[in-house]
N, C-alpha and C. Protein backbone atom coordinates (compact mmCIF):
# COMPACT_ATOMS: atom_id res chain seq x y z
N MET A 1 178.98 -200.63 133.32
CA MET A 1 178.10 -199.74 132.61
C MET A 1 177.71 -198.56 133.52
N LYS A 2 177.51 -198.82 134.81
CA LYS A 2 177.15 -197.74 135.72
C LYS A 2 178.28 -196.74 135.86
N LYS A 3 179.51 -197.26 135.94
CA LYS A 3 180.61 -196.32 136.12
C LYS A 3 180.83 -195.48 134.85
N THR A 4 180.51 -196.03 133.69
CA THR A 4 180.59 -195.25 132.46
C THR A 4 179.56 -194.14 132.47
N LEU A 5 178.36 -194.46 132.93
CA LEU A 5 177.30 -193.45 133.03
C LEU A 5 177.71 -192.36 134.02
N LEU A 6 178.25 -192.73 135.16
CA LEU A 6 178.71 -191.74 136.15
C LEU A 6 179.82 -190.88 135.56
N HIS A 7 180.74 -191.50 134.83
CA HIS A 7 181.83 -190.79 134.17
C HIS A 7 181.26 -189.71 133.24
N GLU A 8 180.29 -190.10 132.41
CA GLU A 8 179.70 -189.17 131.46
C GLU A 8 178.87 -188.10 132.17
N MET A 9 178.28 -188.44 133.31
CA MET A 9 177.51 -187.46 134.07
C MET A 9 178.42 -186.38 134.66
N ILE A 10 179.65 -186.74 135.01
CA ILE A 10 180.60 -185.73 135.48
C ILE A 10 180.90 -184.76 134.36
N HIS A 11 181.14 -185.29 133.14
CA HIS A 11 181.35 -184.41 131.98
C HIS A 11 180.16 -183.48 131.79
N ALA A 12 178.95 -184.03 131.87
CA ALA A 12 177.74 -183.23 131.67
C ALA A 12 177.63 -182.15 132.75
N TYR A 13 177.90 -182.52 134.00
CA TYR A 13 177.83 -181.57 135.10
C TYR A 13 178.80 -180.42 134.88
N LEU A 14 180.03 -180.74 134.51
CA LEU A 14 181.04 -179.69 134.28
C LEU A 14 180.64 -178.81 133.10
N PHE A 15 180.01 -179.39 132.11
CA PHE A 15 179.56 -178.60 130.96
C PHE A 15 178.44 -177.64 131.38
N VAL A 16 177.45 -178.16 132.10
CA VAL A 16 176.27 -177.37 132.49
C VAL A 16 176.65 -176.27 133.48
N THR A 17 177.52 -176.56 134.42
CA THR A 17 177.89 -175.57 135.43
C THR A 17 178.94 -174.62 134.91
N ASN A 18 179.36 -174.77 133.69
CA ASN A 18 180.38 -173.92 133.06
C ASN A 18 181.67 -173.94 133.86
N ASN A 19 181.90 -175.04 134.53
CA ASN A 19 183.10 -175.24 135.33
C ASN A 19 184.17 -175.97 134.54
N ASP A 20 183.91 -176.18 133.27
CA ASP A 20 184.79 -177.00 132.44
C ASP A 20 185.97 -176.17 131.94
N LYS A 21 186.84 -175.78 132.86
CA LYS A 21 187.97 -174.92 132.52
C LYS A 21 189.13 -175.72 131.93
N ASP A 22 189.24 -176.98 132.32
CA ASP A 22 190.35 -177.79 131.80
C ASP A 22 189.87 -178.50 130.53
N ARG A 23 190.39 -178.09 129.42
CA ARG A 23 189.91 -178.53 128.11
C ARG A 23 190.26 -179.98 127.78
N GLU A 24 191.13 -180.60 128.56
CA GLU A 24 191.46 -182.00 128.27
C GLU A 24 190.29 -182.92 128.61
N GLY A 25 189.38 -182.46 129.43
CA GLY A 25 188.22 -183.27 129.77
C GLY A 25 188.38 -184.06 131.05
N HIS A 26 189.60 -184.50 131.37
CA HIS A 26 189.83 -185.29 132.58
C HIS A 26 190.86 -184.61 133.48
N GLY A 27 190.78 -183.30 133.54
CA GLY A 27 191.72 -182.52 134.33
C GLY A 27 191.34 -182.49 135.80
N PRO A 28 191.86 -181.51 136.54
CA PRO A 28 191.67 -181.45 137.98
C PRO A 28 190.20 -181.36 138.42
N GLU A 29 189.39 -180.58 137.70
CA GLU A 29 187.96 -180.47 138.06
C GLU A 29 187.27 -181.82 137.94
N PHE A 30 187.52 -182.51 136.83
CA PHE A 30 186.92 -183.83 136.61
C PHE A 30 187.35 -184.78 137.72
N CYS A 31 188.66 -184.82 137.99
CA CYS A 31 189.19 -185.74 139.00
C CYS A 31 188.65 -185.45 140.39
N LYS A 32 188.45 -184.16 140.71
CA LYS A 32 187.89 -183.79 142.01
C LYS A 32 186.52 -184.45 142.20
N HIS A 33 185.66 -184.34 141.19
CA HIS A 33 184.32 -184.95 141.29
C HIS A 33 184.39 -186.47 141.24
N MET A 34 185.28 -186.99 140.43
CA MET A 34 185.44 -188.45 140.32
C MET A 34 185.83 -189.03 141.69
N HIS A 35 186.83 -188.44 142.33
CA HIS A 35 187.28 -188.94 143.64
C HIS A 35 186.19 -188.77 144.70
N ARG A 36 185.47 -187.65 144.65
CA ARG A 36 184.40 -187.39 145.61
C ARG A 36 183.32 -188.46 145.50
N ILE A 37 182.88 -188.76 144.26
CA ILE A 37 181.83 -189.76 144.05
C ILE A 37 182.33 -191.15 144.43
N ASN A 38 183.56 -191.48 144.03
CA ASN A 38 184.12 -192.79 144.37
C ASN A 38 184.18 -192.99 145.89
N SER A 39 184.61 -191.96 146.63
CA SER A 39 184.72 -192.13 148.09
C SER A 39 183.36 -192.20 148.76
N LEU A 40 182.36 -191.48 148.23
CA LEU A 40 181.03 -191.51 148.83
C LEU A 40 180.25 -192.78 148.52
N THR A 41 180.46 -193.33 147.32
CA THR A 41 179.61 -194.44 146.86
C THR A 41 180.33 -195.77 146.75
N GLY A 42 181.65 -195.74 146.73
CA GLY A 42 182.39 -196.98 146.51
C GLY A 42 182.48 -197.35 145.03
N ALA A 43 182.03 -196.45 144.18
CA ALA A 43 182.14 -196.69 142.72
C ALA A 43 183.60 -196.67 142.33
N ASN A 44 183.88 -197.10 141.14
CA ASN A 44 185.26 -197.11 140.66
C ASN A 44 185.33 -196.36 139.33
N ILE A 45 184.90 -195.09 139.35
CA ILE A 45 184.95 -194.26 138.14
C ILE A 45 186.41 -193.98 137.84
N THR A 46 186.78 -194.06 136.57
CA THR A 46 188.15 -193.76 136.16
C THR A 46 188.12 -192.71 135.05
N VAL A 47 189.30 -192.27 134.64
CA VAL A 47 189.39 -191.31 133.54
C VAL A 47 189.46 -192.03 132.20
N TYR A 48 189.42 -193.34 132.22
CA TYR A 48 189.54 -194.12 130.98
C TYR A 48 188.18 -194.43 130.39
N HIS A 49 188.13 -194.44 129.06
CA HIS A 49 186.89 -194.79 128.36
C HIS A 49 187.00 -196.23 127.86
N THR A 50 186.17 -197.10 128.38
CA THR A 50 186.09 -198.46 127.86
C THR A 50 184.61 -198.73 127.60
N PHE A 51 184.25 -198.78 126.36
CA PHE A 51 182.85 -198.95 125.99
C PHE A 51 182.56 -200.34 125.46
N HIS A 52 183.40 -201.31 125.78
CA HIS A 52 183.24 -202.64 125.19
C HIS A 52 181.87 -203.24 125.50
N ASP A 53 181.46 -203.20 126.77
CA ASP A 53 180.15 -203.76 127.12
C ASP A 53 179.03 -203.00 126.46
N GLU A 54 179.15 -201.67 126.42
CA GLU A 54 178.11 -200.85 125.82
C GLU A 54 177.99 -201.12 124.33
N VAL A 55 179.13 -201.25 123.66
CA VAL A 55 179.13 -201.52 122.22
C VAL A 55 178.55 -202.90 121.96
N ASP A 56 178.93 -203.88 122.76
CA ASP A 56 178.40 -205.24 122.58
C ASP A 56 176.88 -205.27 122.70
N GLU A 57 176.35 -204.40 123.53
CA GLU A 57 174.89 -204.34 123.72
C GLU A 57 174.17 -204.01 122.41
N TYR A 58 174.83 -203.26 121.54
CA TYR A 58 174.21 -202.87 120.28
C TYR A 58 174.47 -203.86 119.15
N ARG A 59 175.33 -204.81 119.35
CA ARG A 59 175.63 -205.80 118.31
C ARG A 59 174.55 -206.87 118.31
N ARG A 60 173.49 -206.61 117.57
CA ARG A 60 172.33 -207.50 117.61
C ARG A 60 172.10 -208.25 116.31
N HIS A 61 172.96 -208.05 115.33
CA HIS A 61 172.89 -208.81 114.08
C HIS A 61 174.06 -209.79 114.10
N TRP A 62 173.74 -211.09 114.15
CA TRP A 62 174.77 -212.11 114.29
C TRP A 62 174.79 -213.02 113.07
N TRP A 63 176.00 -213.31 112.60
CA TRP A 63 176.22 -214.31 111.55
C TRP A 63 177.19 -215.34 112.10
N ARG A 64 177.06 -216.57 111.60
CA ARG A 64 178.03 -217.60 111.98
C ARG A 64 178.46 -218.34 110.73
N CYS A 65 179.75 -218.57 110.64
CA CYS A 65 180.31 -219.29 109.51
C CYS A 65 180.02 -220.78 109.65
N ASN A 66 179.72 -221.43 108.52
CA ASN A 66 179.47 -222.88 108.56
C ASN A 66 180.73 -223.66 108.20
N GLY A 67 181.86 -222.98 108.07
CA GLY A 67 183.12 -223.64 107.73
C GLY A 67 183.94 -223.99 108.95
N PRO A 68 185.19 -224.39 108.73
CA PRO A 68 186.05 -224.82 109.83
C PRO A 68 186.32 -223.77 110.90
N CYS A 69 186.21 -222.48 110.57
CA CYS A 69 186.53 -221.44 111.56
C CYS A 69 185.52 -221.41 112.71
N GLN A 70 184.40 -222.10 112.56
CA GLN A 70 183.43 -222.12 113.67
C GLN A 70 183.95 -222.89 114.88
N HIS A 71 185.06 -223.61 114.69
CA HIS A 71 185.66 -224.36 115.79
C HIS A 71 186.95 -223.71 116.29
N ARG A 72 187.31 -222.54 115.73
CA ARG A 72 188.58 -221.88 116.09
C ARG A 72 188.36 -220.66 116.99
N PRO A 73 189.16 -220.59 118.07
CA PRO A 73 189.11 -219.37 118.87
C PRO A 73 189.77 -218.22 118.09
N PRO A 74 189.56 -216.99 118.39
CA PRO A 74 188.77 -216.52 119.51
C PRO A 74 187.30 -216.27 119.16
N TYR A 75 186.94 -216.26 117.86
CA TYR A 75 185.59 -215.85 117.48
C TYR A 75 184.64 -217.01 117.21
N TYR A 76 185.19 -218.19 116.98
CA TYR A 76 184.39 -219.40 116.72
C TYR A 76 183.38 -219.18 115.59
N GLY A 77 183.81 -218.43 114.58
CA GLY A 77 182.98 -218.24 113.39
C GLY A 77 181.90 -217.19 113.51
N TYR A 78 181.80 -216.51 114.66
CA TYR A 78 180.75 -215.51 114.86
C TYR A 78 181.20 -214.13 114.36
N VAL A 79 180.28 -213.41 113.76
CA VAL A 79 180.45 -211.99 113.46
C VAL A 79 179.20 -211.31 114.00
N LYS A 80 179.39 -210.37 114.93
CA LYS A 80 178.27 -209.67 115.56
C LYS A 80 178.40 -208.19 115.23
N ARG A 81 177.30 -207.60 114.74
CA ARG A 81 177.34 -206.21 114.31
C ARG A 81 176.13 -205.43 114.79
N ALA A 82 176.33 -204.11 114.88
CA ALA A 82 175.23 -203.21 115.22
C ALA A 82 174.36 -202.95 114.00
N THR A 83 174.93 -203.07 112.81
CA THR A 83 174.17 -202.84 111.58
C THR A 83 173.93 -204.16 110.87
N ASN A 84 172.92 -204.16 110.04
CA ASN A 84 172.57 -205.37 109.28
C ASN A 84 173.44 -205.44 108.03
N ARG A 85 174.74 -205.70 108.21
CA ARG A 85 175.67 -205.80 107.09
C ARG A 85 176.35 -207.16 107.15
N GLU A 86 176.01 -207.97 106.18
CA GLU A 86 176.55 -209.32 106.12
C GLU A 86 178.06 -209.29 105.88
N PRO A 87 178.82 -210.19 106.48
CA PRO A 87 180.26 -210.25 106.21
C PRO A 87 180.50 -210.45 104.71
N SER A 88 181.47 -209.69 104.18
CA SER A 88 181.71 -209.74 102.73
C SER A 88 183.11 -209.24 102.41
N ALA A 89 183.40 -209.10 101.13
CA ALA A 89 184.70 -208.62 100.67
C ALA A 89 184.98 -207.19 101.14
N HIS A 90 183.98 -206.49 101.66
CA HIS A 90 184.18 -205.14 102.20
C HIS A 90 184.90 -205.17 103.55
N ASP A 91 184.98 -206.31 104.19
CA ASP A 91 185.67 -206.44 105.47
C ASP A 91 187.16 -206.68 105.23
N TYR A 92 188.01 -206.03 106.02
CA TYR A 92 189.46 -206.14 105.83
C TYR A 92 189.97 -207.57 105.99
N TRP A 93 189.29 -208.41 106.73
CA TRP A 93 189.73 -209.76 107.03
C TRP A 93 189.15 -210.79 106.07
N TRP A 94 188.31 -210.38 105.15
CA TRP A 94 187.57 -211.31 104.29
C TRP A 94 188.50 -212.21 103.45
N ALA A 95 189.50 -211.65 102.82
CA ALA A 95 190.40 -212.43 101.96
C ALA A 95 191.09 -213.54 102.77
N GLU A 96 191.52 -213.19 103.97
CA GLU A 96 192.16 -214.19 104.83
C GLU A 96 191.17 -215.29 105.22
N HIS A 97 189.94 -214.90 105.49
CA HIS A 97 188.90 -215.88 105.83
C HIS A 97 188.66 -216.82 104.66
N GLN A 98 188.60 -216.29 103.47
CA GLN A 98 188.37 -217.13 102.29
C GLN A 98 189.50 -218.14 102.09
N LYS A 99 190.75 -217.70 102.35
CA LYS A 99 191.90 -218.60 102.19
C LYS A 99 191.94 -219.68 103.25
N THR A 100 191.70 -219.30 104.51
CA THR A 100 191.90 -220.24 105.60
C THR A 100 190.66 -221.05 105.97
N CYS A 101 189.48 -220.57 105.58
CA CYS A 101 188.25 -221.26 105.96
C CYS A 101 187.38 -221.55 104.74
N GLY A 102 186.98 -220.49 104.05
CA GLY A 102 186.15 -220.66 102.85
C GLY A 102 184.68 -220.92 103.14
N GLY A 103 184.28 -220.86 104.41
CA GLY A 103 182.88 -221.11 104.76
C GLY A 103 181.97 -219.96 104.39
N THR A 104 180.68 -220.19 104.56
CA THR A 104 179.65 -219.20 104.25
C THR A 104 179.03 -218.71 105.55
N TYR A 105 178.81 -217.40 105.62
CA TYR A 105 178.17 -216.83 106.81
C TYR A 105 176.66 -216.89 106.66
N ILE A 106 176.02 -217.35 107.72
CA ILE A 106 174.56 -217.49 107.77
C ILE A 106 174.07 -216.64 108.94
N LYS A 107 173.04 -215.82 108.68
CA LYS A 107 172.51 -214.98 109.76
C LYS A 107 171.76 -215.87 110.75
N ILE A 108 172.11 -215.72 112.03
CA ILE A 108 171.49 -216.57 113.05
C ILE A 108 170.69 -215.77 114.08
N LYS A 109 170.87 -214.43 114.10
CA LYS A 109 170.14 -213.65 115.10
C LYS A 109 170.00 -212.22 114.62
N GLU A 110 168.84 -211.62 114.93
CA GLU A 110 168.64 -210.20 114.66
C GLU A 110 167.67 -209.66 115.71
N PRO A 111 167.58 -208.32 115.82
CA PRO A 111 166.68 -207.76 116.84
C PRO A 111 165.24 -208.21 116.64
N GLU A 112 164.52 -208.31 117.74
CA GLU A 112 163.13 -208.73 117.70
C GLU A 112 162.32 -207.79 116.80
N ASN A 113 161.48 -208.36 115.96
CA ASN A 113 160.63 -207.63 115.02
C ASN A 113 161.41 -206.86 113.95
N TYR A 114 162.71 -207.13 113.79
CA TYR A 114 163.51 -206.39 112.82
C TYR A 114 163.01 -206.61 111.40
N SER A 115 162.75 -207.85 111.03
CA SER A 115 162.33 -208.14 109.66
C SER A 115 160.95 -207.56 109.36
N LYS A 116 160.12 -207.33 110.38
CA LYS A 116 158.80 -206.74 110.18
C LYS A 116 158.89 -205.24 109.92
N LYS A 117 159.89 -204.58 110.53
CA LYS A 117 160.04 -203.14 110.37
C LYS A 117 160.48 -202.78 108.97
N GLY A 118 161.35 -203.58 108.37
CA GLY A 118 161.79 -203.34 107.00
C GLY A 118 162.95 -202.38 106.87
N LYS A 119 163.13 -201.48 107.81
CA LYS A 119 164.23 -200.53 107.80
C LYS A 119 164.37 -199.78 106.48
N GLY A 120 163.27 -199.60 105.75
CA GLY A 120 163.30 -198.78 104.55
C GLY A 120 163.88 -199.46 103.33
N LYS A 121 164.31 -200.69 103.44
CA LYS A 121 164.88 -201.37 102.29
C LYS A 121 163.81 -202.20 101.61
N ALA A 122 163.93 -202.34 100.29
CA ALA A 122 162.95 -203.11 99.52
C ALA A 122 163.03 -204.57 99.89
N LYS A 123 161.90 -205.19 100.09
CA LYS A 123 161.84 -206.61 100.40
C LYS A 123 161.72 -207.39 99.10
N LEU A 124 162.14 -208.65 99.13
CA LEU A 124 162.00 -209.49 97.96
C LEU A 124 160.53 -209.66 97.64
N GLY A 125 160.20 -209.65 96.38
CA GLY A 125 158.82 -209.85 95.96
C GLY A 125 157.99 -208.59 95.97
N LYS A 126 158.51 -207.49 96.49
CA LYS A 126 157.77 -206.24 96.48
C LYS A 126 158.13 -205.45 95.23
N GLU A 127 157.14 -204.79 94.67
CA GLU A 127 157.41 -203.98 93.49
C GLU A 127 157.99 -202.64 93.93
N PRO A 128 158.86 -202.04 93.09
CA PRO A 128 159.43 -200.75 93.47
C PRO A 128 158.36 -199.66 93.49
N VAL A 129 158.59 -198.64 94.31
CA VAL A 129 157.65 -197.53 94.41
C VAL A 129 157.76 -196.70 93.14
N LEU A 130 156.64 -196.41 92.54
CA LEU A 130 156.62 -195.64 91.30
C LEU A 130 156.85 -194.17 91.58
N ALA A 131 157.44 -193.47 90.61
CA ALA A 131 157.71 -192.04 90.76
C ALA A 131 156.41 -191.27 90.92
N ALA A 132 155.34 -191.72 90.26
CA ALA A 132 154.05 -191.03 90.35
C ALA A 132 153.51 -191.04 91.78
N GLU A 133 153.84 -192.09 92.55
CA GLU A 133 153.38 -192.17 93.93
C GLU A 133 154.10 -191.16 94.81
N ASN A 134 155.28 -190.73 94.39
CA ASN A 134 156.09 -189.81 95.19
C ASN A 134 156.11 -188.40 94.60
N LYS A 135 155.13 -188.07 93.75
CA LYS A 135 155.18 -186.78 93.05
C LYS A 135 155.15 -185.58 94.00
N ASP A 136 154.51 -185.72 95.16
CA ASP A 136 154.43 -184.60 96.10
C ASP A 136 155.62 -184.55 97.05
N LYS A 137 156.45 -185.59 97.05
CA LYS A 137 157.60 -185.63 97.94
C LYS A 137 158.82 -185.10 97.18
N PRO A 138 159.53 -184.13 97.75
CA PRO A 138 160.70 -183.58 97.05
C PRO A 138 161.85 -184.59 97.00
N ASN A 139 162.57 -184.56 95.90
CA ASN A 139 163.76 -185.41 95.75
C ASN A 139 164.91 -184.75 96.47
N ARG A 140 165.96 -185.51 96.71
CA ARG A 140 167.16 -184.95 97.33
C ARG A 140 167.71 -183.85 96.45
N GLY A 141 168.09 -182.75 97.06
CA GLY A 141 168.67 -181.65 96.31
C GLY A 141 167.62 -180.72 95.72
N GLU A 142 166.37 -181.13 95.69
CA GLU A 142 165.31 -180.30 95.12
C GLU A 142 164.86 -179.30 96.18
N ALA A 143 164.61 -178.06 95.75
CA ALA A 143 164.16 -177.02 96.68
C ALA A 143 162.80 -177.37 97.24
N GLN A 144 162.62 -177.14 98.50
CA GLN A 144 161.34 -177.39 99.15
C GLN A 144 160.69 -176.06 99.49
N LEU A 145 159.38 -176.00 99.36
CA LEU A 145 158.64 -174.80 99.70
C LEU A 145 158.64 -174.63 101.20
N VAL A 146 159.06 -173.46 101.65
CA VAL A 146 159.08 -173.16 103.07
C VAL A 146 157.86 -172.30 103.37
N ILE A 147 157.04 -172.74 104.30
CA ILE A 147 155.87 -171.97 104.68
C ILE A 147 156.19 -171.26 105.99
N PRO A 148 156.29 -169.93 105.96
CA PRO A 148 156.67 -169.22 107.17
C PRO A 148 155.57 -169.25 108.22
N PHE A 149 155.98 -169.05 109.46
CA PHE A 149 155.06 -168.98 110.58
C PHE A 149 154.16 -167.77 110.40
N SER A 150 152.84 -167.96 110.52
CA SER A 150 151.93 -166.85 110.26
C SER A 150 151.33 -166.23 111.52
N GLY A 151 151.72 -166.69 112.68
CA GLY A 151 151.19 -166.13 113.92
C GLY A 151 152.03 -164.97 114.40
N LYS A 152 151.81 -164.57 115.63
CA LYS A 152 152.60 -163.49 116.22
C LYS A 152 153.83 -164.09 116.85
N GLY A 153 154.98 -163.48 116.63
CA GLY A 153 156.22 -163.99 117.19
C GLY A 153 156.81 -163.02 118.18
N TYR A 154 157.49 -163.55 119.16
CA TYR A 154 158.12 -162.73 120.18
C TYR A 154 159.57 -163.16 120.33
N VAL A 155 160.39 -162.25 120.76
CA VAL A 155 161.80 -162.56 120.99
C VAL A 155 161.90 -163.34 122.29
N LEU A 156 162.59 -164.47 122.26
CA LEU A 156 162.76 -165.28 123.46
C LEU A 156 163.58 -164.50 124.49
N GLY A 157 163.21 -164.68 125.74
CA GLY A 157 163.96 -164.03 126.80
C GLY A 157 163.36 -162.71 127.24
N GLU A 158 162.35 -162.22 126.52
CA GLU A 158 161.70 -160.97 126.93
C GLU A 158 160.96 -161.23 128.24
N THR A 159 161.01 -160.29 129.16
CA THR A 159 160.35 -160.48 130.45
C THR A 159 158.86 -160.16 130.39
N SER A 160 158.47 -159.35 129.47
CA SER A 160 157.07 -158.96 129.35
C SER A 160 156.36 -159.89 128.38
N ASN A 161 155.07 -160.11 128.62
CA ASN A 161 154.27 -160.88 127.67
C ASN A 161 153.85 -160.03 126.49
N LEU A 162 153.99 -158.71 126.63
CA LEU A 162 153.62 -157.81 125.54
C LEU A 162 154.82 -157.63 124.63
N PRO A 163 154.60 -157.62 123.31
CA PRO A 163 155.73 -157.43 122.40
C PRO A 163 156.27 -156.01 122.50
N SER A 164 157.59 -155.89 122.47
CA SER A 164 158.19 -154.57 122.47
C SER A 164 158.18 -154.05 121.04
N PRO A 165 158.15 -152.72 120.85
CA PRO A 165 158.08 -152.17 119.50
C PRO A 165 159.26 -152.64 118.67
N GLY A 166 158.96 -153.05 117.45
CA GLY A 166 160.00 -153.51 116.54
C GLY A 166 160.36 -154.97 116.72
N LYS A 167 159.83 -155.63 117.75
CA LYS A 167 160.18 -157.02 117.99
C LYS A 167 159.08 -157.96 117.54
N LEU A 168 157.91 -157.43 117.19
CA LEU A 168 156.79 -158.24 116.77
C LEU A 168 156.92 -158.56 115.28
N ILE A 169 156.72 -159.80 114.91
CA ILE A 169 156.75 -160.18 113.50
C ILE A 169 155.38 -159.86 112.92
N THR A 170 155.35 -158.97 111.97
CA THR A 170 154.07 -158.51 111.42
C THR A 170 153.65 -159.34 110.23
N SER A 171 152.35 -159.26 109.91
CA SER A 171 151.85 -159.98 108.74
C SER A 171 152.45 -159.38 107.48
N HIS A 172 152.85 -158.08 107.49
CA HIS A 172 153.50 -157.46 106.34
C HIS A 172 154.82 -158.18 106.02
N ALA A 173 155.60 -158.47 107.07
CA ALA A 173 156.88 -159.17 106.88
C ALA A 173 156.65 -160.58 106.36
N ILE A 174 155.60 -161.22 106.84
CA ILE A 174 155.29 -162.57 106.38
C ILE A 174 154.87 -162.55 104.92
N ASN A 175 154.02 -161.59 104.54
CA ASN A 175 153.58 -161.49 103.13
C ASN A 175 154.76 -161.21 102.22
N LYS A 176 155.69 -160.37 102.68
CA LYS A 176 156.89 -160.06 101.89
C LYS A 176 157.73 -161.33 101.68
N THR A 177 157.86 -162.12 102.73
CA THR A 177 158.61 -163.38 102.65
C THR A 177 157.95 -164.34 101.68
N GLN A 178 156.61 -164.42 101.75
CA GLN A 178 155.88 -165.30 100.84
C GLN A 178 156.06 -164.85 99.39
N ASP A 179 156.03 -163.54 99.14
CA ASP A 179 156.24 -163.01 97.79
C ASP A 179 157.61 -163.44 97.26
N LEU A 180 158.65 -163.31 98.11
CA LEU A 180 159.99 -163.71 97.70
C LEU A 180 160.05 -165.21 97.41
N LEU A 181 159.42 -166.01 98.23
CA LEU A 181 159.41 -167.46 98.01
C LEU A 181 158.70 -167.80 96.71
N ASN A 182 157.59 -167.15 96.45
CA ASN A 182 156.83 -167.41 95.22
C ASN A 182 157.65 -167.03 93.98
N GLN A 183 158.44 -165.93 94.07
CA GLN A 183 159.28 -165.54 92.93
C GLN A 183 160.36 -166.59 92.68
N ASN A 184 160.98 -167.07 93.75
CA ASN A 184 162.04 -168.08 93.61
C ASN A 184 161.48 -169.40 93.13
N HIS A 185 160.28 -169.76 93.60
CA HIS A 185 159.68 -171.04 93.25
C HIS A 185 159.26 -171.07 91.78
N SER A 186 158.82 -169.92 91.26
CA SER A 186 158.38 -169.89 89.86
C SER A 186 159.55 -169.85 88.90
N ALA A 187 160.73 -169.46 89.38
CA ALA A 187 161.89 -169.35 88.49
C ALA A 187 162.41 -170.64 88.08
């Protein structure tokens, strides 16, 4: 995991220093820094990406089959996922599992406090949220009222704290924007 972080830090360094002339990502500039760090620290940074350990770290939803496949290598009936998606017919291997095992997957592990968070999904026994409760919240695709900034604005990068002529956002421009928004909103 450390060498993966070092690998990515070389990419970040080359990006920030604008030294990233070799577009392949692992060209001579990358290798120069990789070899330098490896020789100084004894690390074993490579040009290869292997995220297996990192990906496994995120697989916190576990199911185990109660059928015969729980005794078969290589998975022993386990399915581990980063998302809370139960094994089902949506998986490419499901039909084969049904033929050769036929067992049922039971959830055996999830992240701590996961069921308390709810993740935005309706829980059993809860009533659906009524539309009247969401009347002030815009629906997807519905236009939202944009309230423009009403203070004084300055162009970023100016060296002076005083606004230069023509660069200050005036209340006249803000009022004009509000008028346009009101016309569009009433239509």
